[in-house]
Amino acid sequence: MDTTEAELLAQSWQLALRAERKSPETLKAYGAGVRAYLGWCTTRPADPMTRAALNLWVAEMLEKGAAASTARSRQLAVRRFAAWLAAEGELPADPFLGVKAPKLDERVVEPLTDDEIRALLKACVPPRGATPAESMRHRRDEALIRFMFETGTRAGEAVALQLADVDLVNGVAIVRKGKGGRGRTVPFGPQTSLAIDRYVRLRRGHRLAESSPDLWLGDRGKRFSYDALHKTLGERAAAAGVVGFHPHKLRHTAAHRWLAAGGSESGLMAVAGWTRPDMLMRYTKAQASARAAEEARTLNLGDV
């Protein structure tokens, strides 16, 4: 198979993924990975559906400084594409069956401190004299930050929330588009309810207030997208002086705060939407020693 044919088939694969109701984030990641690989293959005469070509591409990515997680994600996209080609009869067999993924680095993501959280929230306070549209944007971002660092929802899950999914009286929200198609209910407290209510009242003046079921609405009369969330929260972090911020840090922060407050691991897995204990450990290991030390002090094991 040559690169031109593979590029055409990649478009058909995207249609198949949409039919499988893959999330927008998955579609974007898979599409980017396959496009990057096929773009690389156009500079080489090799058949893109060979192990030699795939392994060389991954090796070059790593040698040029790409993170192991990036190489792994892009390689996975190509492998899934090849598996689909084989299933559709476009290839006699999956050429990448059994290919190993690059080993991931053991990254430790520190949760946000209480001071950093307070600084983020302070950066969302509407300035004096703000217009209704500006006030709505400030209140929206505060509500988003509070909701995400309390519930631990993924960015894509938070963006997908609809107005009808949130019960402010009982403090619960329904995540209908969870990872792997698994929905769940997440609880939140009075401060988050208050923040969302303040935003919702201002939301009524938005151009799309009546026509859009989405909870979060964008600037200048637009919808609020996954990319918009990353952009606006990044701007809040910069204004707050929070270094190294990424919206996914809010999920790490929620997990740490849950366990630090004495919450159970099983409860955290249910709220965060994890089905494997290793995912819980991955998200909470940064402060595991600190939590253990605090727990040890309450046990008084040295008293005899």
Protein backbone atom coordinates (compact mmCIF):
# COMPACT_ATOMS: atom_id res chain seq x y z
CA MET A 1 0.00 0.00 0.00
CA ASP A 2 1.38 3.40 -0.93
CA THR A 3 1.03 6.57 1.14
CA THR A 4 -1.57 8.20 -1.11
CA GLU A 5 -3.90 5.22 -0.81
CA ALA A 6 -3.37 5.12 2.95
CA GLU A 7 -4.28 8.80 3.25
CA LEU A 8 -7.59 8.20 1.45
CA LEU A 9 -8.38 5.21 3.64
CA ALA A 10 -7.56 7.25 6.75
CA GLN A 11 -10.56 9.44 5.91
CA SER A 12 -12.80 6.37 5.82
CA TRP A 13 -11.34 5.25 9.16
CA GLN A 14 -12.33 8.58 10.70
CA LEU A 15 -15.91 7.95 9.56
CA ALA A 16 -15.81 4.51 11.17
CA LEU A 17 -14.53 5.98 14.43
CA ARG A 18 -17.35 8.52 14.47
CA ALA A 19 -19.82 5.69 13.92
CA GLU A 20 -18.32 4.00 16.98
CA ARG A 21 -19.02 7.23 18.93
CA LYS A 22 -15.40 7.85 19.80
CA SER A 23 -14.86 11.04 21.76
CA PRO A 24 -13.70 14.22 19.97
CA GLU A 25 -10.41 13.96 21.84
CA THR A 26 -9.85 10.40 20.59
CA LEU A 27 -10.72 11.40 17.02
CA LYS A 28 -8.29 14.30 17.22
CA ALA A 29 -5.47 12.22 18.72
CA TYR A 30 -5.88 9.31 16.28
CA GLY A 31 -6.15 11.64 13.30
CA ALA A 32 -3.04 13.58 14.31
CA GLY A 33 -1.03 10.41 14.86
CA VAL A 34 -1.87 8.86 11.49
CA ARG A 35 -1.36 12.15 9.62
CA ALA A 36 2.05 12.60 11.24
CA TYR A 37 3.08 9.07 10.29
CA LEU A 38 1.88 9.24 6.71
CA GLY A 39 3.46 12.69 6.33
CA TRP A 40 6.75 11.20 7.49
CA CYS A 41 6.32 8.29 5.06
CA THR A 42 5.93 10.61 2.07
CA THR A 43 9.62 11.54 2.42
CA ARG A 44 10.62 7.89 2.20
CA PRO A 45 10.00 5.24 -0.44
CA ALA A 46 9.07 2.61 2.13
CA ASP A 47 5.62 0.99 2.39
CA PRO A 48 3.94 2.63 5.43
CA MET A 49 2.39 -0.67 6.44
CA THR A 50 5.66 -2.34 7.42
CA ARG A 51 7.12 -2.80 10.86
CA ALA A 52 10.46 -1.42 9.74
CA ALA A 53 8.89 1.89 8.73
CA LEU A 54 6.84 2.20 11.92
CA ASN A 55 9.76 1.36 14.20
CA LEU A 56 12.06 3.82 12.40
CA TRP A 57 9.44 6.58 12.73
CA VAL A 58 9.07 6.00 16.47
CA ALA A 59 12.82 5.83 16.96
CA GLU A 60 13.31 9.14 15.13
CA MET A 61 10.60 10.78 17.22
CA LEU A 62 12.31 9.73 20.44
CA GLU A 63 15.76 10.72 19.20
CA LYS A 64 14.46 14.20 18.36
CA GLY A 65 13.24 14.65 21.92
CA ALA A 66 9.58 13.67 21.74
CA ALA A 67 8.13 12.49 25.04
CA ALA A 68 7.64 8.75 25.33
CA SER A 69 3.92 9.36 25.93
CA THR A 70 3.68 11.28 22.64
CA ALA A 71 5.47 8.54 20.70
CA ARG A 72 3.28 5.93 22.36
CA SER A 73 0.06 7.81 21.55
CA ARG A 74 1.00 8.35 17.90
CA GLN A 75 2.17 4.78 17.44
CA LEU A 76 -1.10 3.54 18.94
CA ALA A 77 -3.05 5.59 16.40
CA VAL A 78 -1.16 3.97 13.52
CA ARG A 79 -1.61 0.50 15.00
CA ARG A 80 -5.36 1.03 15.41
CA PHE A 81 -5.54 2.27 11.83
CA ALA A 82 -3.72 -0.80 10.54
CA ALA A 83 -6.01 -3.10 12.57
CA TRP A 84 -9.04 -1.41 10.98
CA LEU A 85 -7.54 -1.82 7.50
CA ALA A 86 -7.12 -5.54 8.12
CA ALA A 87 -10.65 -5.87 9.52
CA GLU A 88 -12.04 -4.09 6.45
CA GLY A 89 -10.12 -6.35 4.07
CA GLU A 90 -7.90 -3.52 2.82
CA LEU A 91 -4.88 -5.49 4.08
CA PRO A 92 -4.51 -9.28 4.14
CA ALA A 93 -3.46 -9.13 7.82
CA ASP A 94 -2.59 -6.62 10.53
CA PRO A 95 1.11 -5.86 9.93
CA PHE A 96 1.57 -4.34 13.39
CA LEU A 97 -0.01 -7.11 15.44
CA GLY A 98 2.29 -7.72 18.41
CA VAL A 99 4.32 -4.52 17.98
CA LYS A 100 5.27 -3.21 21.41
CA ALA A 101 4.56 0.34 22.50
CA PRO A 102 7.41 2.59 23.68
CA LYS A 103 8.00 2.29 27.40
CA LEU A 104 6.57 5.24 29.27
CA ASP A 105 8.65 7.40 31.57
CA GLU A 106 7.63 7.35 35.22
CA ARG A 107 6.34 10.90 35.39
CA VAL A 108 5.17 12.35 38.66
CA VAL A 109 2.56 15.09 38.42
CA GLU A 110 2.31 17.24 41.52
CA PRO A 111 -1.20 18.38 42.42
CA LEU A 112 -1.99 22.05 42.80
CA THR A 113 -1.43 23.45 46.26
CA ASP A 114 -4.20 25.20 48.17
CA ASP A 115 -2.45 28.52 47.54
CA GLU A 116 -2.35 27.82 43.79
CA ILE A 117 -6.04 26.91 43.78
CA ARG A 118 -6.91 30.13 45.61
CA ALA A 119 -4.80 32.13 43.15
CA LEU A 120 -6.60 30.52 40.20
CA LEU A 121 -9.98 31.34 41.69
CA LYS A 122 -8.92 34.90 42.48
CA ALA A 123 -7.93 35.35 38.83
CA CYS A 124 -11.54 34.60 37.90
CA VAL A 125 -13.13 37.40 39.95
CA PRO A 126 -14.83 39.84 37.55
CA PRO A 127 -13.15 43.27 37.62
CA ARG A 128 -15.13 46.32 38.61
CA GLY A 129 -17.02 47.69 35.64
CA ALA A 130 -16.96 44.39 33.71
CA THR A 131 -19.60 44.01 31.01
CA PRO A 132 -22.19 41.20 31.36
CA ALA A 133 -20.29 39.15 28.75
CA GLU A 134 -16.99 39.64 30.60
CA SER A 135 -18.61 38.77 33.91
CA MET A 136 -20.09 35.60 32.42
CA ARG A 137 -16.66 34.53 31.17
CA HIS A 138 -15.09 35.10 34.61
CA ARG A 139 -17.87 33.25 36.42
CA ARG A 140 -17.76 30.41 33.88
CA ASP A 141 -14.05 29.86 34.41
CA GLU A 142 -14.40 29.96 38.20
CA ALA A 143 -17.22 27.41 38.04
CA LEU A 144 -15.18 25.19 35.71
CA ILE A 145 -12.13 25.26 37.97
CA ARG A 146 -14.17 24.54 41.08
CA PHE A 147 -16.10 21.74 39.38
CA MET A 148 -13.01 20.06 37.94
CA PHE A 149 -10.75 20.21 41.00
CA GLU A 150 -13.57 18.93 43.21
CA THR A 151 -15.01 16.18 41.01
CA GLY A 152 -11.90 15.15 39.07
CA THR A 153 -13.76 15.05 35.76
CA ARG A 154 -11.68 14.95 32.60
CA ALA A 155 -11.56 18.09 30.46
CA GLY A 156 -13.60 16.48 27.69
CA GLU A 157 -16.21 15.27 30.18
CA ALA A 158 -16.57 18.73 31.69
CA VAL A 159 -16.94 20.37 28.26
CA ALA A 160 -19.65 17.87 27.26
CA LEU A 161 -21.90 18.66 30.23
CA GLN A 162 -25.36 19.93 29.42
CA LEU A 163 -27.47 22.26 31.52
CA ALA A 164 -29.90 19.45 32.32
CA ASP A 165 -27.05 17.24 33.60
CA VAL A 166 -26.40 19.46 36.64
CA ASP A 167 -28.57 19.38 39.78
CA LEU A 168 -27.46 22.34 41.90
CA VAL A 169 -29.94 21.64 44.73
CA ASN A 170 -28.62 18.13 45.37
CA GLY A 171 -25.05 18.84 44.26
CA VAL A 172 -24.67 16.14 41.60
CA ALA A 173 -23.87 16.07 37.90
CA ILE A 174 -24.30 13.31 35.36
CA VAL A 175 -21.25 12.63 33.19
CA ARG A 176 -22.83 11.06 30.14
CA LYS A 177 -19.77 10.96 27.89
CA GLY A 178 -17.18 9.29 30.08
CA LYS A 179 -14.13 7.47 28.78
CA GLY A 180 -15.04 4.22 27.07
CA GLY A 181 -18.68 5.29 26.92
CA ARG A 182 -19.13 4.75 30.67
CA GLY A 183 -21.36 7.34 32.30
CA ARG A 184 -21.39 8.13 36.02
CA THR A 185 -22.69 10.55 38.62
CA VAL A 186 -20.30 12.94 40.38
CA PRO A 187 -21.04 14.87 43.58
CA PHE A 188 -19.97 18.42 44.40
CA GLY A 189 -20.34 20.74 47.36
CA PRO A 190 -22.05 24.07 48.14
CA GLN A 191 -19.17 26.28 46.94
CA THR A 192 -19.20 24.67 43.51
CA SER A 193 -23.01 24.84 43.41
CA LEU A 194 -22.84 28.56 44.21
CA ALA A 195 -20.21 29.17 41.52
CA ILE A 196 -22.21 27.32 38.86
CA ASP A 197 -25.40 29.13 39.87
CA ARG A 198 -23.69 32.52 39.51
CA TYR A 199 -22.53 31.52 36.06
CA VAL A 200 -25.90 30.10 34.98
CA ARG A 201 -27.67 33.34 35.90
CA LEU A 202 -25.30 35.29 33.66
CA ARG A 203 -25.54 32.58 30.98
CA ARG A 204 -29.18 33.60 30.38
CA GLY A 205 -27.95 36.68 28.54
CA HIS A 206 -25.85 34.66 26.06
CA ARG A 207 -26.94 34.53 22.41
CA LEU A 208 -27.14 30.73 22.56
CA ALA A 209 -28.81 30.53 25.98
CA GLU A 210 -32.15 29.31 24.64
CA SER A 211 -30.97 27.29 21.65
CA SER A 212 -28.01 25.41 23.13
CA PRO A 213 -28.35 22.64 25.74
CA ASP A 214 -24.64 22.97 26.62
CA LEU A 215 -23.84 24.06 30.15
CA TRP A 216 -20.74 26.02 29.17
CA LEU A 217 -21.00 28.66 26.46
CA GLY A 218 -18.13 30.44 24.75
CA ASP A 219 -17.10 34.01 24.12
CA ARG A 220 -18.61 36.26 21.47
CA GLY A 221 -21.71 34.15 21.07
CA LYS A 222 -19.87 30.90 20.32
CA ARG A 223 -20.01 27.36 21.66
CA PHE A 224 -17.45 26.31 24.25
CA SER A 225 -15.01 23.71 22.92
CA TYR A 226 -12.32 21.42 24.32
CA ASP A 227 -9.64 23.71 22.90
CA ALA A 228 -11.39 26.75 24.40
CA LEU A 229 -11.22 25.17 27.85
CA HIS A 230 -7.47 24.64 27.53
CA LYS A 231 -6.97 28.18 26.29
CA THR A 232 -9.07 29.99 28.87
CA LEU A 233 -7.83 28.03 31.88
CA GLY A 234 -4.26 28.46 30.67
CA GLU A 235 -4.85 32.22 30.64
CA ARG A 236 -6.21 32.08 34.20
CA ALA A 237 -3.15 30.15 35.34
CA ALA A 238 -0.82 32.67 33.73
CA ALA A 239 -2.67 35.54 35.42
CA ALA A 240 -2.47 33.68 38.75
CA GLY A 241 1.25 32.97 38.39
CA VAL A 242 0.71 29.20 38.48
CA VAL A 243 3.66 27.64 36.64
CA GLY A 244 3.38 24.40 34.67
CA PHE A 245 -0.40 24.40 34.68
CA HIS A 246 -2.41 22.05 32.50
CA PRO A 247 -6.16 21.43 32.91
CA HIS A 248 -5.42 17.76 33.59
CA LYS A 249 -3.67 18.87 36.79
CA LEU A 250 -7.10 19.56 38.20
CA ARG A 251 -7.86 15.83 37.96
CA HIS A 252 -4.64 14.97 39.81
CA THR A 253 -5.52 17.61 42.39
CA ALA A 254 -9.01 16.21 42.93
CA ALA A 255 -7.64 12.70 43.46
CA HIS A 256 -5.03 13.88 45.98
CA ARG A 257 -7.51 16.02 47.92
CA TRP A 258 -9.99 13.14 48.11
CA LEU A 259 -7.48 10.76 49.67
CA ALA A 260 -5.88 13.43 51.86
CA ALA A 261 -9.33 14.19 53.32
CA GLY A 262 -9.77 10.53 54.24
CA GLY A 263 -11.88 9.43 51.28
CA SER A 264 -11.75 5.77 50.27
CA GLU A 265 -9.89 4.50 47.22
CA SER A 266 -12.98 2.67 45.96
CA GLY A 267 -15.05 5.84 46.28
CA LEU A 268 -12.43 7.83 44.39
CA MET A 269 -12.34 5.27 41.58
CA ALA A 270 -16.12 5.45 41.22
CA VAL A 271 -16.24 9.26 41.15
CA ALA A 272 -13.21 9.64 38.86
CA GLY A 273 -14.39 6.95 36.44
CA TRP A 274 -11.44 4.57 36.86
CA THR A 275 -11.89 0.83 36.46
CA ARG A 276 -8.33 -0.20 37.36
CA PRO A 277 -6.46 0.45 40.63
CA ASP A 278 -3.23 1.19 38.75
CA MET A 279 -4.83 4.33 37.33
CA LEU A 280 -5.57 5.55 40.84
CA MET A 281 -1.94 4.98 41.85
CA ARG A 282 -0.71 6.81 38.76
CA TYR A 283 -2.72 9.91 39.61
CA THR A 284 -2.03 9.98 43.33
CA LYS A 285 1.55 8.77 43.75
CA ALA A 286 3.09 12.27 43.80
CA GLN A 287 1.83 12.95 47.33
CA ALA A 288 1.54 9.35 48.53
CA SER A 289 4.44 9.73 51.01
CA ALA A 290 3.03 12.95 52.42
CA ARG A 291 -0.38 11.36 52.96
CA ALA A 292 1.24 8.31 54.55
CA ALA A 293 3.23 10.54 56.93
CA GLU A 294 0.09 12.42 57.95
CA GLU A 295 -1.75 9.14 58.52
CA ALA A 296 1.15 7.78 60.60
CA ARG A 297 0.98 10.80 62.91
CA THR A 298 -2.66 10.05 63.68
CA LEU A 299 -1.88 6.36 64.39
CA ASN A 300 0.62 7.17 67.17
CA LEU A 301 2.48 3.92 66.55
CA GLY A 302 5.35 5.02 68.79
CA ASP A 303 3.19 5.13 71.92
CA VAL A 304 3.95 2.13 74.15
